[in-house]
Each structure stands twice: as C-alpha cells, then as structure tokens.
Amino acid sequence: MSIVIVGGNERMATRYEDICREHGCKAKVFPKENGSLKKKMGSPDLLILFISTVSHKMVLSVTQEAKKNGIPIARVHTSSATALKAALAEYRVAAH
C-alpha cells in the first residue's frame, strides 16, 4: 500500500516513513510545498494531511487533486507519530 503524507514536521519525515513501513506501507512525505505536488504525488492508496502544519492553499490543491483521482483522504489535526499510527489503523479498519 502506498501513502502520501502532506505537512507535518520536517524533522519527523523519516520517522513518518518508518511508521508507515511498520504498517506495511510505502510512504512519500512532503512536509512543505516544493513546487507542484500534483506531479510528485502519483496515485497513492491513501493521502494523509496534517492540517495544523499546512497552508489552506496547499490543502485545497492537494484535496482537489485527490478527489479528481479518487484517492481517500485522512485529515489529521496534529502531526505526531501517535496521530499517524491512529490514522493508519483507522484506514486499515475502513478498507477491510
């Protein structure tokens, strides 16, 4: 399963990837906007948005792209490791 994480703490990027790997997922992490995310995002199985650390403009562009491609979105308010684990667990339950 592939996951794209938008937002979060830059120093936690490798930790986010490790947590996803522990859950059997491959993750791309974009803590801040560097150019167009639409092209870099690809077509993941899940998009996780850390709402508190992302600009409103970035949220709108990423969610618009996800809706266009039918990608489920998990909106997480805090960018902690625990919040990411909870979002992954919730998605797994919803998917099965």
Protein backbone atom coordinates (compact mmCIF):
# COMPACT_ATOMS: atom_id res chain seq x y z
CA MET A 1 0.00 0.00 0.00
CA SER A 2 1.34 3.44 -0.88
CA ILE A 3 0.73 6.57 1.17
CA VAL A 4 1.43 10.26 0.62
CA ILE A 5 1.83 12.44 3.71
CA VAL A 6 1.44 16.19 3.25
CA GLY A 7 2.51 18.51 6.05
CA GLY A 8 3.96 17.56 9.38
CA ASN A 9 7.28 18.29 10.96
CA GLU A 10 10.34 18.21 8.67
CA ARG A 11 12.46 16.55 11.33
CA MET A 12 9.88 13.79 11.67
CA ALA A 13 9.82 12.88 7.95
CA THR A 14 11.99 9.78 8.34
CA ARG A 15 10.01 8.77 11.45
CA TYR A 16 6.78 9.02 9.44
CA GLU A 17 8.30 6.77 6.77
CA ASP A 18 9.42 4.28 9.43
CA ILE A 19 5.93 4.17 10.98
CA CYS A 20 4.38 3.54 7.57
CA ARG A 21 6.92 0.79 6.89
CA GLU A 22 5.97 -0.85 10.22
CA HIS A 23 2.36 -0.90 8.98
CA GLY A 24 3.39 -2.48 5.68
CA CYS A 25 3.13 0.73 3.65
CA LYS A 26 5.46 2.73 1.46
CA ALA A 27 5.31 6.48 2.10
CA LYS A 28 6.23 9.71 0.36
CA VAL A 29 6.45 12.64 2.78
CA PHE A 30 6.06 16.29 1.74
CA PRO A 31 6.47 18.44 4.88
CA LYS A 32 6.31 21.66 2.87
CA GLU A 33 5.38 22.68 -0.62
CA ASN A 34 8.33 22.49 -3.02
CA GLY A 35 6.88 23.12 -6.44
CA SER A 36 3.82 21.30 -7.70
CA LEU A 37 2.79 18.34 -5.55
CA LYS A 38 0.30 17.19 -8.17
CA LYS A 39 3.08 15.73 -10.31
CA LYS A 40 5.09 14.31 -7.41
CA MET A 41 2.12 12.73 -5.61
CA GLY A 42 1.42 9.95 -8.07
CA SER A 43 -1.61 7.77 -7.27
CA PRO A 44 -1.33 6.54 -3.67
CA ASP A 45 -3.85 4.36 -1.83
CA LEU A 46 -4.23 7.00 0.90
CA LEU A 47 -3.44 10.69 1.34
CA ILE A 48 -2.74 11.86 4.90
CA LEU A 49 -2.99 15.61 5.53
CA PHE A 50 -1.52 17.05 8.70
CA ILE A 51 -3.90 20.01 8.80
CA SER A 52 -2.19 22.09 11.51
CA THR A 53 1.08 22.43 9.58
CA VAL A 54 -0.20 23.01 6.05
CA SER A 55 -1.38 26.23 4.39
CA HIS A 56 -5.00 26.49 3.35
CA LYS A 57 -3.95 26.90 -0.29
CA MET A 58 -1.92 23.69 -0.16
CA VAL A 59 -4.81 21.78 1.46
CA LEU A 60 -7.18 22.92 -1.30
CA SER A 61 -4.85 21.99 -4.17
CA VAL A 62 -3.95 18.58 -2.74
CA THR A 63 -7.54 17.63 -1.83
CA GLN A 64 -8.76 18.74 -5.25
CA GLU A 65 -6.18 16.51 -6.94
CA ALA A 66 -7.02 13.59 -4.63
CA LYS A 67 -10.76 13.89 -5.31
CA LYS A 68 -10.12 14.04 -9.05
CA ASN A 69 -8.18 10.75 -8.84
CA GLY A 70 -10.44 9.03 -6.29
CA ILE A 71 -7.80 8.92 -3.54
CA PRO A 72 -9.13 8.65 0.04
CA ILE A 73 -8.04 11.48 2.34
CA ALA A 74 -7.32 11.25 6.08
CA ARG A 75 -7.27 14.66 7.74
CA VAL A 76 -5.18 14.60 10.92
CA HIS A 77 -5.02 17.70 13.11
CA THR A 78 -1.74 17.04 14.90
CA SER A 79 1.46 15.91 13.23
CA SER A 80 2.56 13.47 15.94
CA ALA A 81 3.68 9.88 15.46
CA THR A 82 0.71 8.69 17.54
CA ALA A 83 -1.73 10.57 15.29
CA LEU A 84 -0.18 8.98 12.21
CA LYS A 85 -0.42 5.49 13.73
CA ALA A 86 -4.08 6.11 14.58
CA ALA A 87 -4.83 7.31 11.03
CA LEU A 88 -3.15 4.23 9.53
CA ALA A 89 -5.03 1.90 11.88
CA GLU A 90 -8.34 3.63 11.11
CA TYR A 91 -7.77 3.38 7.37
CA ARG A 92 -6.91 -0.32 7.63
CA VAL A 93 -10.18 -0.98 9.51
CA ALA A 94 -12.19 1.05 6.98
CA ALA A 95 -10.51 -0.66 4.00
CA HIS A 96 -11.26 -4.18 5.19
